[in-house]
């Protein structure tokens, strides 16, 4: 792994269902190490099924430079889940989806069944495709923190090392943290 790997960090923009919007932005921040190189965005449907396709498109448009994909969970725009397996198969880019806490699969499955009775199995399959939820401890400016992650296309040790390398100010890796901050500035259309 290079000293300053090139990473695309992704998160969604803030949205409000009360305003009647049905789309939000998926923000990608490309960093060399922790230095921002480029910001990209695309629209995704809130609670839709297009986040996988849209993320693949962003990656392919920038594939020449990007080495790793980091996301803030696998859920964007409400319950618009990305399929890590499909993303890896179509881009050949190692991917890590980070979260600050463990996931209760039973609660997620119940919520999916309630909100999407006809599509819940398709959405839940994307969670299964994300694989095992790993745990690691990282040292940041705020001290030691525990972070959880799914990974594909990268060894567990390389994933942990990458997360430690690019998590500086918070337990979210810098490219993901910056995408999160930008996403808060972009209100959905």
Protein backbone atom coordinates (compact mmCIF):
# COMPACT_ATOMS: atom_id res chain seq x y z
CA UNK A 1 0.00 0.00 0.00
CA UNK A 2 1.31 3.41 -0.97
CA UNK A 3 2.10 6.01 1.68
CA UNK A 4 -0.68 8.27 0.34
CA UNK A 5 -3.24 6.00 -1.36
CA UNK A 6 -5.85 7.59 -3.60
CA UNK A 7 -9.29 7.06 -2.08
CA UNK A 8 -12.81 8.00 -3.04
CA UNK A 9 -14.82 8.63 0.12
CA UNK A 10 -18.61 8.70 -0.26
CA UNK A 11 -21.62 9.83 1.72
CA UNK A 12 -25.06 11.18 0.92
CA UNK A 13 -26.35 14.73 1.22
CA UNK A 14 -28.87 15.83 3.79
CA UNK A 15 -32.48 15.58 2.66
CA UNK A 16 -35.95 16.23 4.03
CA UNK A 17 -38.90 14.05 3.09
CA UNK A 18 -41.22 16.75 4.48
CA UNK A 19 -40.19 19.06 1.62
CA UNK A 20 -41.52 16.54 -0.90
CA UNK A 21 -38.16 15.79 -2.47
CA UNK A 22 -37.49 12.33 -3.83
CA UNK A 23 -33.77 12.68 -4.64
CA UNK A 24 -30.55 13.58 -2.88
CA UNK A 25 -26.90 13.78 -3.80
CA UNK A 26 -24.33 11.04 -3.43
CA UNK A 27 -21.06 12.90 -2.82
CA UNK A 28 -17.65 11.46 -3.69
CA UNK A 29 -14.45 13.05 -2.37
CA UNK A 30 -11.25 11.86 -3.97
CA UNK A 31 -8.23 12.24 -1.71
CA UNK A 32 -4.56 11.40 -2.03
CA UNK A 33 -3.96 10.31 1.52
CA UNK A 34 -5.97 12.98 3.33
CA UNK A 35 -5.44 15.79 0.77
CA UNK A 36 -8.57 16.55 -1.27
CA UNK A 37 -7.99 16.24 -5.02
CA UNK A 38 -11.50 16.31 -6.46
CA UNK A 39 -15.19 16.35 -5.47
CA UNK A 40 -17.83 14.60 -7.57
CA UNK A 41 -21.57 14.13 -7.13
CA UNK A 42 -24.57 12.40 -8.63
CA UNK A 43 -28.27 12.25 -7.78
CA UNK A 44 -29.84 9.17 -6.21
CA UNK A 45 -33.46 8.40 -5.42
CA UNK A 46 -34.42 8.52 -1.75
CA UNK A 47 -35.30 4.96 -0.65
CA UNK A 48 -34.62 3.88 -4.23
CA UNK A 49 -32.48 1.19 -5.82
CA UNK A 50 -30.03 3.23 -7.90
CA UNK A 51 -27.18 3.94 -5.45
CA UNK A 52 -25.14 0.93 -6.62
CA UNK A 53 -25.39 1.94 -10.28
CA UNK A 54 -24.67 5.62 -9.51
CA UNK A 55 -21.65 4.82 -7.35
CA UNK A 56 -20.26 2.49 -10.01
CA UNK A 57 -20.63 5.31 -12.55
CA UNK A 58 -18.73 7.76 -10.30
CA UNK A 59 -15.96 5.22 -9.75
CA UNK A 60 -15.60 4.36 -13.45
CA UNK A 61 -15.40 8.05 -14.40
CA UNK A 62 -12.46 8.38 -12.00
CA UNK A 63 -11.03 4.84 -12.11
CA UNK A 64 -7.68 5.83 -13.57
CA UNK A 65 -6.66 7.46 -10.30
CA UNK A 66 -8.79 5.90 -7.55
CA UNK A 67 -7.32 2.89 -5.72
CA UNK A 68 -9.84 2.37 -2.88
CA UNK A 69 -13.49 3.17 -2.20
CA UNK A 70 -14.59 4.09 1.33
CA UNK A 71 -18.24 4.72 2.17
CA UNK A 72 -20.17 5.75 5.24
CA UNK A 73 -22.19 2.54 5.62
CA UNK A 74 -23.86 0.86 2.65
CA UNK A 75 -27.07 2.87 3.02
CA UNK A 76 -27.59 6.19 1.24
CA UNK A 77 -30.66 8.36 0.76
CA UNK A 78 -32.69 6.56 3.40
CA UNK A 79 -32.82 2.90 2.37
CA UNK A 80 -31.03 3.13 -1.00
CA UNK A 81 -28.49 0.38 -0.34
CA UNK A 82 -25.34 -0.26 -2.34
CA UNK A 83 -24.28 -3.78 -3.27
CA UNK A 84 -20.57 -4.00 -2.39
CA UNK A 85 -20.17 -7.27 -4.27
CA UNK A 86 -21.54 -5.81 -7.50
CA UNK A 87 -19.47 -2.63 -7.12
CA UNK A 88 -16.29 -4.63 -6.68
CA UNK A 89 -17.10 -6.97 -9.58
CA UNK A 90 -17.75 -4.05 -11.96
CA UNK A 91 -14.91 -1.73 -10.86
CA UNK A 92 -12.25 -4.04 -9.43
CA UNK A 93 -11.69 -1.44 -6.68
CA UNK A 94 -11.31 -2.61 -3.09
CA UNK A 95 -14.12 -1.20 -0.97
CA UNK A 96 -14.62 -0.58 2.73
CA UNK A 97 -17.94 0.57 4.24
CA UNK A 98 -17.47 2.05 7.71
CA UNK A 99 -19.94 2.60 10.51
CA UNK A 100 -19.61 3.92 14.04
CA UNK A 101 -21.62 1.13 15.66
CA UNK A 102 -22.56 -2.51 15.30
CA UNK A 103 -25.57 -3.30 13.15
CA UNK A 104 -28.58 -5.16 14.55
CA UNK A 105 -29.60 -7.25 11.53
CA UNK A 106 -32.92 -8.30 13.04
CA UNK A 107 -33.98 -4.66 13.53
CA UNK A 108 -32.85 -3.73 10.01
CA UNK A 109 -34.76 -6.67 8.53
CA UNK A 110 -37.92 -5.70 10.43
CA UNK A 111 -37.64 -2.08 9.24
CA UNK A 112 -37.11 -3.20 5.63
CA UNK A 113 -40.08 -5.60 5.78
CA UNK A 114 -42.31 -2.86 7.19
CA UNK A 115 -41.27 -0.10 4.76
CA UNK A 116 -40.70 -2.22 1.62
CA UNK A 117 -42.86 -5.35 1.84
CA UNK A 118 -42.27 -6.24 -1.82
CA UNK A 119 -38.60 -5.20 -2.05
CA UNK A 120 -37.28 -6.08 1.39
CA UNK A 121 -35.57 -9.33 0.33
CA UNK A 122 -33.72 -7.55 -2.51
CA UNK A 123 -32.55 -4.79 -0.15
CA UNK A 124 -31.59 -7.26 2.58
CA UNK A 125 -29.55 -9.26 0.06
CA UNK A 126 -27.29 -6.21 -0.36
CA UNK A 127 -26.63 -6.26 3.37
CA UNK A 128 -25.74 -9.96 3.17
CA UNK A 129 -23.45 -9.25 0.18
CA UNK A 130 -21.54 -6.76 2.35
CA UNK A 131 -20.27 -9.74 4.32
CA UNK A 132 -18.91 -9.89 7.84
CA UNK A 133 -18.87 -6.76 10.01
CA UNK A 134 -15.33 -6.33 11.32
CA UNK A 135 -14.14 -4.21 14.21
CA UNK A 136 -10.91 -2.29 14.73
CA UNK A 137 -9.53 0.34 17.04
CA UNK A 138 -8.04 3.52 15.62
CA UNK A 139 -6.16 6.42 17.17
CA UNK A 140 -7.45 9.87 16.21
CA UNK A 141 -7.01 13.43 17.47
CA UNK A 142 -9.83 12.65 19.92
CA UNK A 143 -8.16 9.50 21.27
CA UNK A 144 -8.83 5.82 20.69
CA UNK A 145 -12.07 4.85 18.99
CA UNK A 146 -13.71 1.66 17.80
CA UNK A 147 -14.97 1.54 14.23
CA UNK A 148 -16.82 -1.22 12.38
CA UNK A 149 -16.56 -2.04 8.70
CA UNK A 150 -17.46 -4.33 5.83
CA UNK A 151 -14.76 -4.96 3.23
CA UNK A 152 -14.34 -6.54 -0.17
CA UNK A 153 -11.28 -6.94 -2.40
CA UNK A 154 -8.84 -6.16 0.42
CA UNK A 155 -7.37 -8.23 3.25
CA UNK A 156 -8.49 -7.60 6.81
CA UNK A 157 -5.01 -6.34 7.80
CA UNK A 158 -4.73 -4.01 4.81
CA UNK A 159 -8.25 -2.68 5.53
CA UNK A 160 -7.35 -1.97 9.16
CA UNK A 161 -4.07 -0.31 8.13
CA UNK A 162 -5.82 1.86 5.54
CA UNK A 163 -8.43 2.99 8.06
CA UNK A 164 -5.72 3.85 10.59
CA UNK A 165 -3.76 5.75 7.96
CA UNK A 166 -6.63 8.03 6.89
CA UNK A 167 -8.61 8.48 10.14
CA UNK A 168 -7.22 11.62 11.72
CA UNK A 169 -9.80 14.02 13.17
CA UNK A 170 -12.59 11.54 13.83
CA UNK A 171 -13.18 7.83 13.60
CA UNK A 172 -14.59 8.38 10.12
CA UNK A 173 -11.79 8.23 7.55
CA UNK A 174 -10.98 11.73 6.23
CA UNK A 175 -12.35 11.18 2.68
CA UNK A 176 -15.66 9.96 4.16
CA UNK A 177 -15.73 12.70 6.83
CA UNK A 178 -15.19 15.37 4.17
CA UNK A 179 -17.90 13.84 1.93
CA UNK A 180 -20.21 13.92 4.97
CA UNK A 181 -19.45 17.61 5.60
CA UNK A 182 -20.00 18.52 1.96
CA UNK A 183 -23.20 16.48 1.94
CA UNK A 184 -24.53 18.60 4.80
CA UNK A 185 -24.00 21.72 2.68
CA UNK A 186 -25.84 20.25 -0.35
CA UNK A 187 -29.54 20.11 0.36
CA UNK A 188 -31.42 17.77 -1.95
CA UNK A 189 -33.25 19.30 -4.87
